[in-house]
Amino acid sequence: MARSKSRETIVNEITALQAKLKAHDKAEAERLGNLAIKSGIGGIDISDEDLAREFQAIVTRFREGAPAVEEPKAKGSRSAGKAPEGADDQAA
């Protein structure tokens, strides 16, 4: 079986995805920061530890009400079942 991508190509893709993730995280931090300022959090005297704990409580509260995310189901005629015994030992 021929290789579909070189190692360099994969490393370049990983680097690009890491940059995309960093930009996403920065945008989310700015969005959340703006929401926090609008809500008045900047004007209260609270430690970072207490604030982080309260944020975690909010996350927990909203996740408890949300349905669990299910694993995606396999598409097509291939089975998504358990691989045959020793299948991991075979060379690619």
N, C-alpha and C. Protein backbone atom coordinates (compact mmCIF):
# COMPACT_ATOMS: atom_id res chain seq x y z
N MET A 1 0.85 -1.18 0.00
CA MET A 1 0.00 0.00 0.00
C MET A 1 0.89 1.24 0.00
N ALA A 2 0.65 2.13 -0.92
CA ALA A 2 1.46 3.34 -1.04
C ALA A 2 1.07 4.35 0.03
N ARG A 3 2.08 5.09 0.46
CA ARG A 3 1.80 6.16 1.42
C ARG A 3 1.00 7.25 0.74
N SER A 4 0.04 7.79 1.47
CA SER A 4 -0.77 8.85 0.89
C SER A 4 -0.18 10.23 1.17
N LYS A 5 0.55 10.36 2.27
CA LYS A 5 1.13 11.66 2.63
C LYS A 5 2.53 11.44 3.18
N SER A 6 3.38 12.42 2.95
CA SER A 6 4.71 12.37 3.53
C SER A 6 4.66 12.86 4.97
N ARG A 7 5.69 12.55 5.72
CA ARG A 7 5.78 13.01 7.11
C ARG A 7 5.77 14.53 7.17
N GLU A 8 6.48 15.16 6.24
CA GLU A 8 6.54 16.62 6.20
C GLU A 8 5.16 17.23 5.97
N THR A 9 4.38 16.63 5.10
CA THR A 9 3.03 17.11 4.84
C THR A 9 2.18 17.03 6.10
N ILE A 10 2.29 15.91 6.81
CA ILE A 10 1.51 15.73 8.04
C ILE A 10 1.94 16.73 9.10
N VAL A 11 3.25 16.94 9.25
CA VAL A 11 3.75 17.92 10.22
C VAL A 11 3.25 19.32 9.87
N ASN A 12 3.23 19.65 8.59
CA ASN A 12 2.73 20.96 8.16
C ASN A 12 1.24 21.11 8.46
N GLU A 13 0.48 20.03 8.27
CA GLU A 13 -0.95 20.07 8.59
C GLU A 13 -1.16 20.26 10.09
N ILE A 14 -0.37 19.55 10.90
CA ILE A 14 -0.47 19.69 12.36
C ILE A 14 -0.14 21.11 12.78
N THR A 15 0.91 21.69 12.22
CA THR A 15 1.31 23.06 12.54
C THR A 15 0.19 24.04 12.18
N ALA A 16 -0.41 23.84 11.02
CA ALA A 16 -1.50 24.72 10.59
C ALA A 16 -2.70 24.58 11.53
N LEU A 17 -3.02 23.36 11.93
CA LEU A 17 -4.14 23.14 12.84
C LEU A 17 -3.86 23.73 14.22
N GLN A 18 -2.60 23.63 14.68
CA GLN A 18 -2.25 24.24 15.97
C GLN A 18 -2.42 25.75 15.92
N ALA A 19 -2.04 26.37 14.81
CA ALA A 19 -2.23 27.81 14.65
C ALA A 19 -3.71 28.17 14.61
N LYS A 20 -4.50 27.33 13.94
CA LYS A 20 -5.94 27.56 13.88
C LYS A 20 -6.57 27.43 15.26
N LEU A 21 -6.11 26.45 16.03
CA LEU A 21 -6.62 26.26 17.39
C LEU A 21 -6.25 27.45 18.28
N LYS A 22 -5.03 27.93 18.14
CA LYS A 22 -4.59 29.09 18.93
C LYS A 22 -5.43 30.32 18.59
N ALA A 23 -5.72 30.53 17.33
CA ALA A 23 -6.55 31.67 16.92
C ALA A 23 -7.97 31.51 17.45
N HIS A 24 -8.49 30.29 17.42
CA HIS A 24 -9.82 30.02 17.95
C HIS A 24 -9.88 30.32 19.44
N ASP A 25 -8.89 29.82 20.19
CA ASP A 25 -8.85 30.04 21.63
C ASP A 25 -8.74 31.53 21.96
N LYS A 26 -7.96 32.26 21.18
CA LYS A 26 -7.82 33.70 21.40
C LYS A 26 -9.15 34.41 21.17
N ALA A 27 -9.85 34.04 20.10
CA ALA A 27 -11.14 34.65 19.80
C ALA A 27 -12.16 34.33 20.91
N GLU A 28 -12.15 33.09 21.40
CA GLU A 28 -13.06 32.71 22.48
C GLU A 28 -12.73 33.46 23.77
N ALA A 29 -11.44 33.62 24.05
CA ALA A 29 -11.03 34.36 25.25
C ALA A 29 -11.50 35.81 25.17
N GLU A 30 -11.37 36.41 24.01
CA GLU A 30 -11.84 37.79 23.83
C GLU A 30 -13.36 37.88 23.98
N ARG A 31 -14.07 36.92 23.40
CA ARG A 31 -15.54 36.92 23.49
C ARG A 31 -15.98 36.77 24.94
N LEU A 32 -15.40 35.81 25.64
CA LEU A 32 -15.77 35.59 27.04
C LEU A 32 -15.36 36.77 27.92
N GLY A 33 -14.20 37.34 27.64
CA GLY A 33 -13.76 38.52 28.38
C GLY A 33 -14.71 39.69 28.20
N ASN A 34 -15.14 39.89 26.97
CA ASN A 34 -16.10 40.98 26.70
C ASN A 34 -17.42 40.73 27.41
N LEU A 35 -17.90 39.49 27.41
CA LEU A 35 -19.13 39.16 28.11
C LEU A 35 -18.97 39.38 29.62
N ALA A 36 -17.81 39.00 30.15
CA ALA A 36 -17.56 39.17 31.59
C ALA A 36 -17.57 40.65 31.95
N ILE A 37 -16.92 41.47 31.14
CA ILE A 37 -16.89 42.91 31.41
C ILE A 37 -18.29 43.50 31.32
N LYS A 38 -19.06 43.11 30.30
CA LYS A 38 -20.42 43.62 30.16
C LYS A 38 -21.30 43.21 31.34
N SER A 39 -21.03 42.04 31.91
CA SER A 39 -21.86 41.58 33.03
C SER A 39 -21.42 42.17 34.36
N GLY A 40 -20.28 42.87 34.38
CA GLY A 40 -19.83 43.53 35.59
C GLY A 40 -18.85 42.75 36.44
N ILE A 41 -18.35 41.65 35.94
CA ILE A 41 -17.39 40.85 36.73
C ILE A 41 -16.13 41.64 37.03
N GLY A 42 -15.73 42.49 36.13
CA GLY A 42 -14.52 43.28 36.35
C GLY A 42 -14.62 44.23 37.53
N GLY A 43 -15.83 44.54 37.94
CA GLY A 43 -16.03 45.50 39.02
C GLY A 43 -16.20 44.87 40.39
N ILE A 44 -16.07 43.56 40.49
CA ILE A 44 -16.22 42.92 41.81
C ILE A 44 -14.87 42.44 42.31
N ASP A 45 -14.76 42.36 43.62
CA ASP A 45 -13.51 41.90 44.24
C ASP A 45 -13.61 40.41 44.50
N ILE A 46 -13.00 39.61 43.61
CA ILE A 46 -13.04 38.15 43.73
C ILE A 46 -11.69 37.60 43.27
N SER A 47 -11.22 36.59 43.98
CA SER A 47 -9.92 36.00 43.61
C SER A 47 -10.07 35.17 42.34
N ASP A 48 -8.96 34.95 41.65
CA ASP A 48 -8.98 34.13 40.45
C ASP A 48 -9.47 32.72 40.76
N GLU A 49 -9.06 32.19 41.92
CA GLU A 49 -9.46 30.83 42.31
C GLU A 49 -10.98 30.75 42.50
N ASP A 50 -11.55 31.75 43.19
CA ASP A 50 -12.99 31.76 43.41
C ASP A 50 -13.74 31.94 42.10
N LEU A 51 -13.23 32.80 41.24
CA LEU A 51 -13.87 33.03 39.96
C LEU A 51 -13.82 31.77 39.09
N ALA A 52 -12.68 31.11 39.06
CA ALA A 52 -12.55 29.87 38.30
C ALA A 52 -13.51 28.80 38.84
N ARG A 53 -13.66 28.73 40.15
CA ARG A 53 -14.58 27.77 40.76
C ARG A 53 -16.03 28.08 40.35
N GLU A 54 -16.39 29.35 40.31
CA GLU A 54 -17.74 29.73 39.90
C GLU A 54 -17.98 29.44 38.42
N PHE A 55 -16.97 29.68 37.60
CA PHE A 55 -17.09 29.33 36.19
C PHE A 55 -17.31 27.83 36.03
N GLN A 56 -16.55 27.05 36.80
CA GLN A 56 -16.70 25.59 36.74
C GLN A 56 -18.11 25.17 37.16
N ALA A 57 -18.67 25.84 38.15
CA ALA A 57 -20.04 25.55 38.58
C ALA A 57 -21.03 25.84 37.45
N ILE A 58 -20.80 26.91 36.72
CA ILE A 58 -21.67 27.25 35.58
C ILE A 58 -21.56 26.15 34.52
N VAL A 59 -20.34 25.75 34.21
CA VAL A 59 -20.14 24.70 33.21
C VAL A 59 -20.85 23.43 33.63
N THR A 60 -20.69 23.04 34.88
CA THR A 60 -21.33 21.83 35.39
C THR A 60 -22.85 21.93 35.29
N ARG A 61 -23.39 23.07 35.67
CA ARG A 61 -24.84 23.26 35.63
C ARG A 61 -25.38 23.11 34.21
N PHE A 62 -24.70 23.68 33.23
CA PHE A 62 -25.19 23.60 31.86
C PHE A 62 -24.93 22.24 31.23
N ARG A 63 -23.86 21.59 31.60
CA ARG A 63 -23.59 20.26 31.04
C ARG A 63 -24.52 19.20 31.60
N GLU A 64 -24.97 19.35 32.83
CA GLU A 64 -25.87 18.38 33.42
C GLU A 64 -27.19 18.34 32.67
N GLY A 65 -27.64 19.47 32.16
CA GLY A 65 -28.91 19.52 31.44
C GLY A 65 -28.80 19.13 29.99
N ALA A 66 -27.57 19.06 29.48
CA ALA A 66 -27.37 18.73 28.07
C ALA A 66 -27.30 17.22 27.88
N PRO A 67 -27.84 16.72 26.79
CA PRO A 67 -27.75 15.28 26.53
C PRO A 67 -26.30 14.88 26.24
N ALA A 68 -25.97 13.65 26.58
CA ALA A 68 -24.61 13.16 26.34
C ALA A 68 -24.36 13.07 24.85
N VAL A 69 -23.13 13.35 24.46
CA VAL A 69 -22.75 13.26 23.05
C VAL A 69 -22.45 11.80 22.75
N GLU A 70 -23.12 11.27 21.72
CA GLU A 70 -22.91 9.88 21.35
C GLU A 70 -21.79 9.77 20.34
N GLU A 71 -21.16 8.59 20.33
CA GLU A 71 -20.14 8.32 19.34
C GLU A 71 -20.80 8.28 17.96
N PRO A 72 -20.11 8.76 16.93
CA PRO A 72 -20.70 8.71 15.59
C PRO A 72 -20.89 7.26 15.15
N LYS A 73 -21.94 7.03 14.41
CA LYS A 73 -22.21 5.69 13.89
C LYS A 73 -21.47 5.51 12.57
N ALA A 74 -21.05 4.27 12.31
CA ALA A 74 -20.34 3.98 11.08
C ALA A 74 -21.27 4.13 9.89
N LYS A 75 -20.73 4.61 8.78
CA LYS A 75 -21.50 4.76 7.56
C LYS A 75 -21.06 3.70 6.57
N GLY A 76 -21.90 3.34 5.67
CA GLY A 76 -21.54 2.38 4.63
C GLY A 76 -21.71 0.95 5.09
N SER A 77 -21.13 0.04 4.32
CA SER A 77 -21.33 -1.38 4.59
C SER A 77 -20.29 -1.97 5.54
N ARG A 78 -19.26 -1.23 5.87
CA ARG A 78 -18.24 -1.74 6.78
C ARG A 78 -18.75 -1.77 8.19
N SER A 79 -18.37 -2.78 8.90
CA SER A 79 -18.78 -2.91 10.30
C SER A 79 -17.88 -2.04 11.17
N ALA A 80 -18.47 -1.42 12.18
CA ALA A 80 -17.70 -0.64 13.14
C ALA A 80 -17.45 -1.49 14.38
N GLY A 81 -17.70 -2.77 14.27
CA GLY A 81 -17.54 -3.68 15.40
C GLY A 81 -16.10 -3.91 15.77
N LYS A 82 -15.91 -4.82 16.69
CA LYS A 82 -14.58 -5.13 17.21
C LYS A 82 -13.72 -5.76 16.14
N ALA A 83 -12.46 -5.37 16.06
CA ALA A 83 -11.54 -5.92 15.10
C ALA A 83 -11.21 -7.37 15.45
N PRO A 84 -10.90 -8.17 14.45
CA PRO A 84 -10.54 -9.57 14.74
C PRO A 84 -9.30 -9.63 15.62
N GLU A 85 -9.21 -10.69 16.40
CA GLU A 85 -8.09 -10.90 17.31
C GLU A 85 -6.80 -10.85 16.52
N GLY A 86 -5.81 -10.09 17.00
CA GLY A 86 -4.50 -10.01 16.36
C GLY A 86 -4.44 -9.02 15.22
N ALA A 87 -5.53 -8.33 14.92
CA ALA A 87 -5.54 -7.38 13.80
C ALA A 87 -4.57 -6.22 14.06
N ASP A 88 -4.37 -5.87 15.32
CA ASP A 88 -3.44 -4.79 15.64
C ASP A 88 -1.99 -5.18 15.42
N ASP A 89 -1.73 -6.47 15.37
CA ASP A 89 -0.35 -6.96 15.23
C ASP A 89 0.13 -6.95 13.78
N GLN A 90 -0.78 -6.78 12.83
CA GLN A 90 -0.42 -6.82 11.43
C GLN A 90 0.23 -5.51 11.02
N ALA A 91 1.22 -5.61 10.16
CA ALA A 91 1.90 -4.40 9.66
C ALA A 91 1.02 -3.73 8.62
N ALA A 92 1.11 -2.42 8.59
CA ALA A 92 0.28 -1.66 7.63
C ALA A 92 0.92 -1.61 6.30
